[in-house]
N, C-alpha and C. Protein backbone atom coordinates (compact mmCIF):
# COMPACT_ATOMS: atom_id res chain seq x y z
N MET A 1 157.27 106.63 224.64
CA MET A 1 157.45 106.11 226.01
C MET A 1 158.78 106.48 226.56
N TYR A 2 158.87 106.74 227.80
CA TYR A 2 159.93 107.25 228.41
C TYR A 2 160.90 106.07 228.94
N LYS A 3 162.15 105.99 228.65
CA LYS A 3 163.09 104.77 228.85
C LYS A 3 164.08 105.29 229.93
N LEU A 4 164.33 104.17 230.92
CA LEU A 4 165.19 104.61 231.96
C LEU A 4 166.64 104.37 231.18
N SER A 5 167.54 105.05 231.82
CA SER A 5 169.00 104.96 231.16
C SER A 5 169.43 103.57 231.86
N LYS A 6 170.71 103.08 231.10
CA LYS A 6 171.29 101.96 231.82
C LYS A 6 171.69 102.40 233.13
N SER A 7 172.15 103.75 233.57
CA SER A 7 172.79 103.79 234.75
C SER A 7 171.68 103.68 235.82
N VAL A 8 170.23 103.92 235.35
CA VAL A 8 169.19 103.76 236.46
C VAL A 8 168.85 102.24 236.70
N LEU A 9 169.03 101.52 235.38
CA LEU A 9 168.60 100.18 235.62
C LEU A 9 169.46 99.36 236.32
N PHE A 10 170.63 99.69 236.49
CA PHE A 10 171.63 98.76 236.93
C PHE A 10 172.34 99.47 238.27
N ALA A 11 171.49 100.50 238.91
CA ALA A 11 172.31 101.23 240.03
C ALA A 11 172.24 100.39 241.28
N SER A 12 171.01 99.56 241.37
CA SER A 12 170.86 98.82 242.65
C SER A 12 171.73 97.57 242.54
N ASP A 13 172.17 97.04 241.27
CA ASP A 13 172.91 95.96 241.34
C ASP A 13 174.54 96.44 241.59
N SER A 14 174.98 97.60 241.55
CA SER A 14 176.44 98.13 241.43
C SER A 14 176.27 99.24 242.74
N PRO A 15 176.15 99.04 243.90
CA PRO A 15 176.03 99.97 245.09
C PRO A 15 177.13 101.03 245.03
N HIS A 16 178.23 100.44 244.61
CA HIS A 16 179.38 101.46 244.83
C HIS A 16 179.77 102.22 243.52
N VAL A 17 178.99 102.09 242.37
CA VAL A 17 179.15 102.83 241.22
C VAL A 17 178.28 104.14 241.22
N GLU A 18 179.00 105.15 241.08
CA GLU A 18 178.36 106.58 241.15
C GLU A 18 177.35 106.67 239.97
N TYR A 19 176.27 107.20 240.49
CA TYR A 19 175.12 107.43 239.40
C TYR A 19 175.22 108.79 238.86
N THR A 20 175.09 108.88 237.36
CA THR A 20 175.59 110.08 236.77
C THR A 20 174.39 110.44 235.83
N GLY A 21 173.17 109.91 236.00
CA GLY A 21 172.09 110.15 235.28
C GLY A 21 171.44 111.59 235.49
N THR A 22 170.63 112.07 234.63
CA THR A 22 170.19 113.64 234.85
C THR A 22 169.11 113.56 236.03
N LYS A 23 168.64 112.42 236.49
CA LYS A 23 167.51 112.57 237.42
C LYS A 23 168.30 112.34 239.06
N GLY A 24 169.63 112.30 238.93
CA GLY A 24 170.23 111.92 240.35
C GLY A 24 170.08 113.00 241.41
N TYR A 25 170.30 112.80 242.42
CA TYR A 25 170.37 113.74 243.64
C TYR A 25 171.60 113.99 243.95
N SER A 26 172.23 115.12 243.88
CA SER A 26 173.79 115.45 244.11
C SER A 26 173.89 115.64 245.35
N CYS A 27 175.40 115.20 245.93
CA CYS A 27 175.52 115.31 247.24
C CYS A 27 175.80 116.79 247.51
N SER A 28 175.62 117.36 248.62
CA SER A 28 175.83 118.89 248.96
C SER A 28 177.15 119.01 249.49
N PHE A 29 177.97 118.02 249.86
CA PHE A 29 179.16 118.08 250.58
C PHE A 29 180.24 118.56 249.40
N THR A 30 180.92 119.57 249.78
CA THR A 30 181.77 120.34 248.84
C THR A 30 182.74 119.39 248.28
N GLU A 31 183.30 118.37 248.88
CA GLU A 31 184.52 117.48 248.49
C GLU A 31 183.77 116.38 247.65
N CYS A 32 182.60 116.22 247.46
CA CYS A 32 181.93 114.95 246.91
C CYS A 32 181.14 115.42 245.70
N SER A 33 181.35 114.36 244.66
CA SER A 33 180.64 114.60 243.39
C SER A 33 179.42 113.44 243.18
N ALA A 34 179.50 112.51 244.32
CA ALA A 34 178.29 111.49 244.25
C ALA A 34 176.97 111.85 244.03
N ARG A 35 176.21 111.13 243.42
CA ARG A 35 174.81 111.29 243.27
C ARG A 35 174.11 110.07 243.51
N GLU A 36 172.79 110.20 244.14
CA GLU A 36 171.97 109.12 244.50
C GLU A 36 170.63 109.19 243.84
N LEU A 37 170.07 107.83 243.58
CA LEU A 37 168.63 107.90 242.83
C LEU A 37 167.62 108.36 243.79
N MET A 38 167.82 108.52 245.11
CA MET A 38 166.61 108.96 245.98
C MET A 38 167.22 109.94 246.75
N PRO A 39 166.48 110.93 247.18
CA PRO A 39 167.07 112.07 248.23
C PRO A 39 167.46 111.54 249.61
N VAL A 40 168.56 111.91 250.24
CA VAL A 40 168.95 111.69 251.29
C VAL A 40 169.20 112.91 252.14
N VAL A 41 168.18 113.31 252.82
CA VAL A 41 168.12 114.63 253.48
C VAL A 41 168.51 114.64 255.05
N CYS A 42 169.33 115.59 255.50
CA CYS A 42 169.75 115.72 256.78
C CYS A 42 168.64 116.27 257.37
N ASP A 43 168.04 115.68 258.51
CA ASP A 43 166.92 116.43 259.14
C ASP A 43 167.41 117.48 260.00
N LYS A 44 168.87 117.96 260.03
CA LYS A 44 169.25 119.02 260.78
C LYS A 44 169.31 120.12 259.69
N CYS A 45 170.18 119.91 258.93
CA CYS A 45 170.66 121.43 257.78
C CYS A 45 169.41 121.20 256.83
N LEU A 46 168.88 120.10 256.59
CA LEU A 46 168.05 120.03 255.31
C LEU A 46 168.61 120.08 253.95
N LYS A 47 169.76 119.55 254.06
CA LYS A 47 170.57 119.50 252.76
C LYS A 47 170.65 118.03 252.37
N ASN A 48 170.76 117.90 250.98
CA ASN A 48 170.72 116.55 250.43
C ASN A 48 172.09 116.03 250.48
N PHE A 49 172.53 114.65 250.66
CA PHE A 49 173.67 114.21 250.57
C PHE A 49 173.61 112.80 250.18
N CYS A 50 175.00 112.04 249.86
CA CYS A 50 175.07 110.93 249.30
C CYS A 50 174.92 109.91 250.66
N LEU A 51 174.83 108.60 250.47
CA LEU A 51 174.95 107.75 251.62
C LEU A 51 176.24 107.77 252.50
N ARG A 52 177.34 108.21 251.76
CA ARG A 52 178.64 108.11 252.61
C ARG A 52 178.62 109.31 253.52
N HIS A 53 177.90 110.42 253.06
CA HIS A 53 178.02 111.63 253.88
C HIS A 53 176.70 112.13 254.58
N ARG A 54 175.76 111.19 254.69
CA ARG A 54 174.48 111.59 255.30
C ARG A 54 174.41 111.70 256.78
N HIS A 55 175.38 111.16 257.41
CA HIS A 55 175.55 111.59 258.96
C HIS A 55 176.09 113.10 259.18
N GLN A 56 175.66 113.61 260.22
CA GLN A 56 176.12 115.06 260.57
C GLN A 56 177.70 115.09 260.54
N ASN A 57 178.14 114.23 261.25
CA ASN A 57 179.60 114.36 261.44
C ASN A 57 180.28 114.09 260.10
N ASP A 58 180.10 113.29 259.11
CA ASP A 58 180.62 112.95 257.84
C ASP A 58 180.34 114.28 256.98
N HIS A 59 179.41 114.90 256.98
CA HIS A 59 179.40 115.99 256.22
C HIS A 59 179.41 117.35 256.56
N LYS A 60 180.28 117.47 257.94
CA LYS A 60 180.43 118.64 258.64
C LYS A 60 179.25 119.48 258.80
N CYS A 61 178.24 118.95 259.25
CA CYS A 61 176.95 119.67 259.27
C CYS A 61 177.05 121.01 259.99
N GLU A 62 176.39 122.03 259.32
CA GLU A 62 176.56 123.42 260.09
C GLU A 62 175.66 123.52 261.24
N LYS A 63 174.74 122.55 261.43
CA LYS A 63 173.83 122.44 262.69
C LYS A 63 174.47 121.41 263.60
N LEU A 64 175.58 120.83 263.49
CA LEU A 64 176.28 120.00 264.43
C LEU A 64 176.33 120.58 265.82
N GLU A 65 175.88 119.80 266.75
CA GLU A 65 176.12 120.46 268.20
C GLU A 65 177.31 120.52 268.39
N GLU A 66 177.95 121.43 269.35
CA GLU A 66 179.21 121.35 269.86
C GLU A 66 179.63 120.11 270.69
N LYS A 67 180.84 119.55 270.53
CA LYS A 67 181.11 118.21 271.18
C LYS A 67 181.27 118.48 272.57
N ILE A 68 180.82 117.43 273.23
CA ILE A 68 180.72 117.50 274.63
C ILE A 68 182.18 117.28 275.26
N THR A 69 182.67 118.02 276.13
CA THR A 69 183.85 117.88 276.86
C THR A 69 183.82 116.58 277.64
N PRO A 70 185.05 115.89 277.92
CA PRO A 70 185.12 114.82 278.54
C PRO A 70 184.40 114.81 280.08
N THR A 71 184.58 116.11 280.52
CA THR A 71 184.22 116.42 281.92
C THR A 71 182.60 116.40 281.96
N LYS A 72 182.07 117.07 280.93
CA LYS A 72 180.51 117.16 280.79
C LYS A 72 179.87 115.89 280.53
N THR A 73 180.69 115.09 279.74
CA THR A 73 180.34 113.83 279.39
C THR A 73 180.07 112.85 280.47
N ALA A 74 181.00 113.02 281.42
CA ALA A 74 180.94 111.92 282.74
C ALA A 74 179.88 112.63 283.59
N GLU A 75 179.59 114.07 283.63
CA GLU A 75 178.64 114.45 284.49
C GLU A 75 177.18 113.94 283.87
N HIS A 76 177.13 114.02 282.66
CA HIS A 76 175.77 113.66 281.90
C HIS A 76 175.59 112.09 282.19
N VAL A 77 176.62 111.36 282.25
CA VAL A 77 176.60 109.95 282.27
C VAL A 77 175.87 109.71 283.81
N GLN A 78 176.51 110.48 284.82
CA GLN A 78 176.14 110.40 286.21
C GLN A 78 174.51 110.81 286.49
N GLN A 79 174.33 111.63 285.78
CA GLN A 79 172.89 112.12 285.91
C GLN A 79 171.86 111.27 285.47
N ILE A 80 172.18 110.69 284.37
CA ILE A 80 171.39 109.64 283.59
C ILE A 80 171.33 108.31 284.55
N LEU A 81 172.38 107.81 285.18
CA LEU A 81 172.36 106.70 286.03
C LEU A 81 171.69 107.06 287.31
N ALA A 82 171.77 108.33 287.74
CA ALA A 82 171.10 108.79 289.13
C ALA A 82 169.58 108.74 288.90
N SER A 83 169.12 109.06 287.57
CA SER A 83 167.65 109.19 287.47
C SER A 83 167.12 107.81 287.35
N LYS A 84 167.62 106.62 287.12
CA LYS A 84 167.21 105.39 286.91
C LYS A 84 167.01 104.57 288.26
N LYS A 85 166.10 103.76 288.25
CA LYS A 85 165.83 103.05 289.51
C LYS A 85 167.03 101.82 289.44
N LEU A 86 167.82 101.70 290.49
CA LEU A 86 168.82 100.76 290.43
C LEU A 86 168.13 99.48 291.07
N ASP A 87 168.88 98.19 290.80
CA ASP A 87 168.61 97.17 291.40
C ASP A 87 168.90 97.10 292.85
N VAL A 88 168.37 96.27 293.76
CA VAL A 88 168.72 96.13 295.29
C VAL A 88 170.06 95.69 295.36
N ASN A 89 170.60 94.80 294.50
CA ASN A 89 171.98 94.03 294.63
C ASN A 89 172.59 94.37 293.31
N PRO A 90 172.85 95.54 292.76
CA PRO A 90 173.55 95.58 291.61
C PRO A 90 175.07 95.23 291.53
N LYS A 91 175.32 94.56 290.40
CA LYS A 91 176.76 94.21 290.26
C LYS A 91 177.77 95.46 290.21
N ARG A 92 178.95 95.38 290.82
CA ARG A 92 179.72 96.46 290.95
C ARG A 92 180.15 96.83 289.47
N PRO A 93 179.99 97.98 288.84
CA PRO A 93 180.73 98.29 287.67
C PRO A 93 182.21 98.14 287.72
N ARG A 94 182.67 97.53 286.52
CA ARG A 94 184.03 97.62 286.47
C ARG A 94 184.71 98.88 286.17
N GLY A 95 185.91 99.20 286.82
CA GLY A 95 186.49 100.34 286.72
C GLY A 95 187.35 100.68 285.40
N LYS A 96 187.55 102.02 285.15
CA LYS A 96 188.31 101.96 283.84
C LYS A 96 189.62 101.55 283.79
N LYS A 97 190.38 101.33 284.87
CA LYS A 97 191.59 100.79 284.83
C LYS A 97 191.48 99.21 284.59
N SER A 98 190.64 98.57 284.98
CA SER A 98 190.35 97.16 284.70
C SER A 98 189.75 96.91 283.46
N SER A 99 188.89 97.83 282.91
CA SER A 99 188.34 97.71 281.65
C SER A 99 189.50 97.81 280.46
N LYS A 100 190.30 98.97 280.80
CA LYS A 100 191.33 99.15 279.74
C LYS A 100 192.17 97.92 279.73
N THR A 101 192.53 97.32 280.83
CA THR A 101 193.38 96.00 280.90
C THR A 101 192.96 95.00 280.07
N ALA A 102 191.62 94.66 280.46
CA ALA A 102 190.99 93.82 279.71
C ALA A 102 190.62 93.82 278.28
N ALA A 103 190.70 95.23 277.77
CA ALA A 103 190.42 95.47 276.29
C ALA A 103 192.00 95.19 275.68
N LYS A 104 192.95 95.36 276.42
CA LYS A 104 194.23 95.24 275.79
C LYS A 104 194.57 93.70 275.43
N VAL A 105 193.99 93.03 276.66
CA VAL A 105 194.22 91.46 276.33
C VAL A 105 193.20 91.00 275.23
N ALA A 106 192.03 91.56 275.22
CA ALA A 106 191.11 91.07 274.02
C ALA A 106 191.50 91.67 272.66
N LEU A 107 192.23 92.82 272.72
CA LEU A 107 192.66 93.29 271.45
C LEU A 107 193.48 92.36 270.68
N MET A 108 194.48 91.55 271.30
CA MET A 108 195.38 90.88 270.88
C MET A 108 194.65 89.74 269.96
N LYS A 109 193.75 89.08 270.62
CA LYS A 109 192.93 87.97 269.98
C LYS A 109 191.96 88.54 268.94
N MET A 110 191.46 89.63 269.17
CA MET A 110 190.50 90.13 268.52
C MET A 110 191.09 90.54 266.93
N LYS A 111 192.40 90.81 266.80
CA LYS A 111 193.03 91.29 265.45
C LYS A 111 193.21 90.04 264.60
N LEU A 112 193.08 88.76 265.34
CA LEU A 112 193.16 87.52 264.48
C LEU A 112 191.91 87.25 263.83
N HIS A 113 190.91 87.57 264.34
CA HIS A 113 189.46 87.24 263.76
C HIS A 113 188.49 88.39 263.24
N ALA A 114 188.91 89.51 263.72
CA ALA A 114 187.92 90.83 263.32
C ALA A 114 187.94 90.92 261.70
N VAL A 115 186.74 91.29 261.35
CA VAL A 115 186.48 91.61 260.03
C VAL A 115 186.10 93.25 259.93
N GLY A 116 186.32 93.55 258.74
CA GLY A 116 186.03 95.05 258.35
C GLY A 116 186.38 95.60 256.86
N ASP A 117 186.42 96.74 256.88
CA ASP A 117 186.76 97.30 255.40
C ASP A 117 188.35 97.24 255.31
N THR A 118 188.71 96.48 254.53
CA THR A 118 190.21 96.31 254.49
C THR A 118 190.86 97.50 253.84
N LYS A 119 190.22 98.61 253.30
CA LYS A 119 190.59 99.75 252.83
C LYS A 119 191.15 100.68 254.00
N ILE A 120 190.75 100.36 255.18
CA ILE A 120 190.90 101.16 256.30
C ILE A 120 192.58 100.97 256.67
N PRO A 121 193.41 101.81 256.94
CA PRO A 121 194.80 101.80 257.22
C PRO A 121 194.85 101.13 258.55
N ASN A 122 195.86 100.21 258.78
CA ASN A 122 196.13 99.57 260.07
C ASN A 122 196.11 100.63 261.20
N PHE A 123 196.74 101.90 260.94
CA PHE A 123 197.04 102.74 262.13
C PHE A 123 195.77 103.46 262.35
N ASP A 124 194.73 103.31 261.49
CA ASP A 124 193.32 103.98 261.90
C ASP A 124 192.37 102.94 262.41
N ARG A 125 192.69 101.82 262.49
CA ARG A 125 191.73 100.65 262.81
C ARG A 125 191.48 100.57 264.22
N VAL A 126 190.15 100.44 264.69
CA VAL A 126 189.69 100.39 266.17
C VAL A 126 188.90 99.23 266.30
N TYR A 127 189.25 98.32 266.91
CA TYR A 127 188.83 96.82 267.07
C TYR A 127 187.70 96.87 268.27
N LEU A 128 186.36 96.43 268.14
CA LEU A 128 185.42 96.20 268.98
C LEU A 128 184.83 95.13 268.73
N GLN A 129 184.37 94.29 270.15
CA GLN A 129 183.45 93.16 270.28
C GLN A 129 182.04 93.90 270.13
N VAL A 130 181.24 93.25 269.20
CA VAL A 130 179.83 94.00 269.31
C VAL A 130 179.05 93.02 269.41
N VAL A 131 178.13 93.15 270.67
CA VAL A 131 177.08 92.34 271.19
C VAL A 131 175.88 92.55 270.33
N LEU A 132 175.35 91.86 269.45
CA LEU A 132 174.34 91.83 268.49
C LEU A 132 172.90 91.96 269.18
N PRO A 133 172.00 92.56 268.56
CA PRO A 133 170.70 92.83 269.20
C PRO A 133 169.98 91.55 269.84
N GLY A 134 169.66 91.81 271.02
CA GLY A 134 169.10 90.49 271.68
C GLY A 134 169.95 89.59 272.08
N GLY A 135 171.04 89.70 271.80
CA GLY A 135 172.10 88.65 272.26
C GLY A 135 173.02 88.76 273.62
N ALA A 136 173.87 88.14 273.81
CA ALA A 136 174.64 88.34 274.93
C ALA A 136 175.99 87.81 274.71
N VAL A 137 177.17 88.07 275.54
CA VAL A 137 178.40 87.57 275.40
C VAL A 137 178.49 86.10 275.59
N SER A 138 177.70 85.49 276.64
CA SER A 138 177.78 84.33 277.04
C SER A 138 177.03 83.37 276.20
N LYS A 139 176.23 84.05 275.15
CA LYS A 139 175.57 83.13 274.24
C LYS A 139 176.42 83.21 272.90
N GLY A 140 177.33 83.83 272.87
CA GLY A 140 178.33 83.82 271.71
C GLY A 140 177.81 84.75 270.64
N THR A 141 176.70 85.43 270.77
CA THR A 141 175.96 86.39 269.84
C THR A 141 176.74 87.74 269.74
N THR A 142 177.92 87.80 269.38
CA THR A 142 178.84 88.81 269.31
C THR A 142 179.57 88.56 268.12
N LYS A 143 180.22 89.80 267.50
CA LYS A 143 180.86 89.84 266.26
C LYS A 143 182.10 90.67 266.47
N PRO A 144 183.29 90.24 266.27
CA PRO A 144 184.61 91.25 266.38
C PRO A 144 184.80 91.81 265.05
N LEU A 145 184.78 92.98 265.21
CA LEU A 145 184.85 94.07 263.95
C LEU A 145 185.64 95.18 264.32
N PHE A 146 186.51 95.72 263.11
CA PHE A 146 187.17 96.92 263.11
C PHE A 146 186.69 98.09 262.30
N PHE A 147 186.86 99.27 262.74
CA PHE A 147 186.36 100.47 262.10
C PHE A 147 187.31 101.38 262.05
N SER A 148 187.24 102.53 261.16
CA SER A 148 188.01 103.64 261.22
C SER A 148 187.84 104.75 262.41
N LYS A 149 188.83 104.98 262.97
CA LYS A 149 188.56 105.82 264.22
C LYS A 149 188.12 107.26 263.90
N THR A 150 188.11 107.49 262.46
CA THR A 150 187.47 108.96 261.98
C THR A 150 186.03 108.85 261.77
N TRP A 151 185.47 107.54 261.84
CA TRP A 151 184.11 107.39 261.48
C TRP A 151 183.19 107.81 262.79
N SER A 152 181.85 108.24 262.43
CA SER A 152 180.80 108.46 263.42
C SER A 152 180.31 107.13 263.80
N VAL A 153 179.80 107.36 265.02
CA VAL A 153 178.95 106.24 265.54
C VAL A 153 177.93 105.80 264.63
N GLY A 154 177.35 106.85 263.87
CA GLY A 154 176.22 106.40 263.10
C GLY A 154 176.61 105.46 261.89
N ARG A 155 177.89 105.87 261.40
CA ARG A 155 178.49 105.19 260.25
C ARG A 155 179.08 103.60 260.76
N VAL A 156 179.54 103.58 261.88
CA VAL A 156 179.68 102.38 262.61
C VAL A 156 178.49 101.45 262.66
N ILE A 157 177.28 102.10 263.13
CA ILE A 157 176.26 101.12 263.28
C ILE A 157 175.72 100.49 261.75
N ASP A 158 175.89 101.22 260.70
CA ASP A 158 175.62 100.82 259.49
C ASP A 158 176.56 99.85 259.15
N ALA A 159 177.80 99.94 259.28
CA ALA A 159 178.75 98.92 258.97
C ALA A 159 178.45 97.69 259.75
N VAL A 160 178.18 97.66 260.99
CA VAL A 160 177.93 96.45 261.94
C VAL A 160 176.73 95.72 261.12
N ALA A 161 175.58 96.55 260.88
CA ALA A 161 174.35 96.04 260.40
C ALA A 161 174.67 95.25 259.05
N ASP A 162 175.51 95.83 258.23
CA ASP A 162 175.80 95.28 256.84
C ASP A 162 176.54 93.95 257.21
N ARG A 163 177.54 93.94 258.00
CA ARG A 163 178.40 92.70 258.21
C ARG A 163 177.57 91.87 258.74
N ALA A 164 176.82 92.13 259.90
CA ALA A 164 176.06 91.06 260.55
C ALA A 164 174.79 90.61 259.64
N GLY A 165 174.32 91.24 258.76
CA GLY A 165 173.08 91.11 257.92
C GLY A 165 171.61 91.35 258.87
N ILE A 166 171.87 92.53 259.50
CA ILE A 166 170.85 92.88 260.27
C ILE A 166 169.99 93.97 259.70
N SER A 167 168.71 93.87 259.70
CA SER A 167 167.88 95.13 259.23
C SER A 167 167.89 96.26 259.57
N ASN A 168 168.43 97.34 258.83
CA ASN A 168 168.75 98.87 259.53
C ASN A 168 167.52 99.60 258.84
N THR A 169 166.87 100.10 260.00
CA THR A 169 165.60 101.06 259.47
C THR A 169 165.81 102.51 259.98
N ASN A 170 167.11 102.82 260.29
CA ASN A 170 167.59 103.97 260.85
C ASN A 170 167.16 105.12 260.05
N ASN A 171 167.22 104.99 258.84
CA ASN A 171 166.68 106.11 257.62
C ASN A 171 165.48 106.10 257.41
N THR A 172 164.45 105.46 258.22
CA THR A 172 163.29 105.34 257.73
C THR A 172 162.39 106.07 258.91
N GLY A 173 160.91 106.05 258.82
CA GLY A 173 160.10 106.47 260.00
C GLY A 173 159.86 105.56 261.26
N SER A 174 160.74 104.38 261.07
CA SER A 174 160.52 103.48 262.17
C SER A 174 160.86 103.88 263.79
N SER A 175 159.82 103.56 264.36
CA SER A 175 159.87 104.16 265.96
C SER A 175 161.36 103.63 266.53
N GLN A 176 161.63 102.28 266.15
CA GLN A 176 162.78 101.67 266.72
C GLN A 176 164.00 101.84 265.79
N LYS A 177 165.03 102.08 266.39
CA LYS A 177 166.34 102.34 265.65
C LYS A 177 167.59 101.76 266.25
N LEU A 178 168.31 101.41 265.50
CA LEU A 178 169.73 100.60 266.00
C LEU A 178 170.49 101.66 266.69
N ARG A 179 170.96 101.34 267.96
CA ARG A 179 171.84 102.32 268.67
C ARG A 179 172.85 101.49 269.30
N LEU A 180 174.10 102.12 269.67
CA LEU A 180 175.11 101.45 270.29
C LEU A 180 175.31 101.99 271.51
N PHE A 181 175.63 101.25 272.60
CA PHE A 181 175.72 101.43 274.08
C PHE A 181 177.01 100.94 274.67
N SER A 182 177.52 101.64 275.76
CA SER A 182 178.86 101.25 276.20
C SER A 182 178.61 99.93 277.19
N MET A 183 179.28 98.91 276.88
CA MET A 183 179.16 97.94 277.81
C MET A 183 179.47 98.11 279.16
N ASP A 184 180.30 99.14 279.58
CA ASP A 184 180.70 99.42 281.00
C ASP A 184 179.58 99.98 281.67
N SER A 185 179.14 101.37 280.99
CA SER A 185 178.19 102.08 281.70
C SER A 185 176.78 101.74 281.05
N GLY A 186 176.48 101.16 280.06
CA GLY A 186 175.11 101.00 279.65
C GLY A 186 174.61 102.25 278.89
N CYS A 187 175.40 103.23 278.74
CA CYS A 187 175.01 104.69 278.27
C CYS A 187 174.81 104.56 276.64
N LEU A 188 173.98 105.31 275.86
CA LEU A 188 173.94 105.50 274.64
C LEU A 188 175.19 106.34 274.03
N LEU A 189 175.74 105.74 273.01
CA LEU A 189 176.80 106.62 272.39
C LEU A 189 176.38 107.35 271.27
N PRO A 190 176.33 108.78 271.43
CA PRO A 190 175.89 109.73 270.34
C PRO A 190 176.31 109.19 269.03
N ILE A 191 175.25 109.24 268.10
CA ILE A 191 175.50 108.76 266.68
C ILE A 191 176.47 109.67 265.94
N ASP A 192 176.59 110.84 266.40
CA ASP A 192 177.33 111.94 265.55
C ASP A 192 178.90 112.17 266.29
N GLN A 193 179.09 111.41 267.41
CA GLN A 193 180.35 111.38 267.89
C GLN A 193 181.33 110.64 267.24
N THR A 194 182.61 110.85 266.84
CA THR A 194 183.45 110.01 266.20
C THR A 194 184.08 108.89 267.08
N VAL A 195 184.58 107.99 266.52
CA VAL A 195 185.14 106.86 267.44
C VAL A 195 186.19 107.49 268.17
N ASP A 196 187.18 108.12 267.50
CA ASP A 196 188.27 108.82 268.05
C ASP A 196 187.95 109.64 269.26
N ALA A 197 186.88 110.44 269.25
CA ALA A 197 186.57 111.14 270.38
C ALA A 197 186.17 110.39 271.50
N LEU A 198 185.44 109.24 271.32
CA LEU A 198 185.05 108.38 272.29
C LEU A 198 186.07 107.73 273.03
N LEU A 199 187.17 107.36 272.26
CA LEU A 199 188.48 106.75 272.60
C LEU A 199 189.07 107.84 273.59
N GLN A 200 189.20 108.88 273.11
CA GLN A 200 189.78 110.15 273.81
C GLN A 200 189.17 110.28 275.31
N ASN A 201 187.92 110.12 275.23
CA ASN A 201 187.10 110.21 276.43
C ASN A 201 187.21 109.06 277.27
N GLU A 202 187.65 108.01 276.73
CA GLU A 202 187.72 106.69 277.40
C GLU A 202 186.27 106.07 277.61
N THR A 203 185.33 106.56 276.78
CA THR A 203 184.02 105.70 276.99
C THR A 203 184.11 104.38 276.51
N PHE A 204 184.99 103.90 275.75
CA PHE A 204 185.24 102.65 275.53
C PHE A 204 186.75 102.48 275.15
N PHE A 205 187.43 101.35 275.01
CA PHE A 205 188.89 101.34 274.48
C PHE A 205 188.92 100.27 273.31
N ASN A 206 190.01 100.65 272.66
CA ASN A 206 190.47 99.54 271.52
C ASN A 206 190.56 98.29 271.99
N GLY A 207 189.57 97.39 271.50
CA GLY A 207 189.64 95.94 271.96
C GLY A 207 188.39 95.76 272.99
N GLY A 208 187.61 96.69 273.28
CA GLY A 208 186.46 96.81 274.10
C GLY A 208 185.12 96.19 273.68
N THR A 209 184.20 96.05 274.32
CA THR A 209 182.80 95.75 273.93
C THR A 209 181.69 96.74 273.89
N VAL A 210 181.04 96.86 272.80
CA VAL A 210 179.84 97.61 272.79
C VAL A 210 178.53 96.79 272.48
N ILE A 211 177.44 97.40 272.74
CA ILE A 211 176.41 96.66 272.51
C ILE A 211 175.30 97.42 271.56
N LEU A 212 174.84 96.55 270.47
CA LEU A 212 174.08 97.04 269.45
C LEU A 212 172.74 96.57 269.79
N GLU A 213 171.81 97.59 269.83
CA GLU A 213 170.40 97.16 270.28
C GLU A 213 169.45 98.11 269.50
N ARG A 214 168.21 97.53 269.22
CA ARG A 214 167.21 98.19 268.57
C ARG A 214 166.14 98.85 269.63
N VAL A 215 166.23 100.28 269.80
CA VAL A 215 165.48 100.90 270.99
C VAL A 215 164.63 102.08 270.40
N THR A 216 163.79 102.80 271.14
CA THR A 216 163.12 103.92 270.93
C THR A 216 163.98 105.11 271.01
N ASP A 217 163.72 106.22 270.53
CA ASP A 217 164.54 107.31 270.94
C ASP A 217 164.59 107.84 272.38
N GLU A 218 163.53 107.40 273.21
CA GLU A 218 163.58 107.70 274.60
C GLU A 218 164.69 106.95 275.49
N VAL A 219 165.22 105.88 274.92
CA VAL A 219 166.05 105.15 275.93
C VAL A 219 167.57 105.66 275.57
N ASN A 220 168.01 106.03 276.86
CA ASN A 220 169.38 106.60 276.71
C ASN A 220 170.64 105.52 277.52
N VAL A 221 169.76 104.54 278.44
CA VAL A 221 170.57 103.74 279.29
C VAL A 221 170.04 102.15 279.03
N ILE A 222 170.80 101.15 279.09
CA ILE A 222 170.27 99.74 278.95
C ILE A 222 170.93 98.97 280.21
N ASN A 223 170.30 98.09 280.62
CA ASN A 223 170.94 97.10 281.70
C ASN A 223 171.93 96.26 281.08
N THR A 224 173.12 96.49 281.24
CA THR A 224 174.35 95.70 280.55
C THR A 224 174.34 94.19 281.03
N GLU A 225 173.61 93.98 282.32
CA GLU A 225 173.67 92.69 282.77
C GLU A 225 173.10 91.66 281.87
N LEU A 226 172.08 92.14 281.26
CA LEU A 226 171.34 91.19 280.24
C LEU A 226 172.14 90.87 278.80
N TYR A 227 173.23 91.62 278.91
CA TYR A 227 174.12 91.11 277.73
C TYR A 227 175.36 90.42 278.18
N GLN A 228 175.52 90.14 279.50
CA GLN A 228 176.70 89.42 279.91
C GLN A 228 176.98 88.15 279.24
């Protein structure tokens, strides 16, 4: 009778212990020797990776689309907003200057309560107030967290789901997936963009607020008034 090795039996109990059994799936990332019990295939380059490098940006995917310049990003946002039906009396969106000022004030308070991976160096940390799915700022359904500025948005989503105890079906065939949106514009944050790139584009600011919501692939913009 075939017997499972101890490394297989206890892999689920020790998620951070590298699996070394003969039946493991090796990570294709050149600088990584990790192995997984199950295949984790990138749907773009079709190569197998470990959980840490499964996102395109994290394994430097050869199929990764060219990063959008700040100007093109702004134009894209305006096109999306223009294509949507606006309310008769919509609230005036907060300008970048006021958003940046508010984020600076919030950042000081956020640093006292935010949680995250303590291995992230202080100079790499970016603090965000995350509105959880179906929640709102006024309802207190938010969570202050910090992330590495080198992380992709996809990795940030995984970290939020883990910290908040939210079911994450992003790597399954589910029609609805967790996505992050800007609180200021309501626009979708590309999962392969890095946190640092979005800071440089001023899509959000350190100390700002983002929205985590479960949506279908067709949703690119959400109504942020529902999350105030």
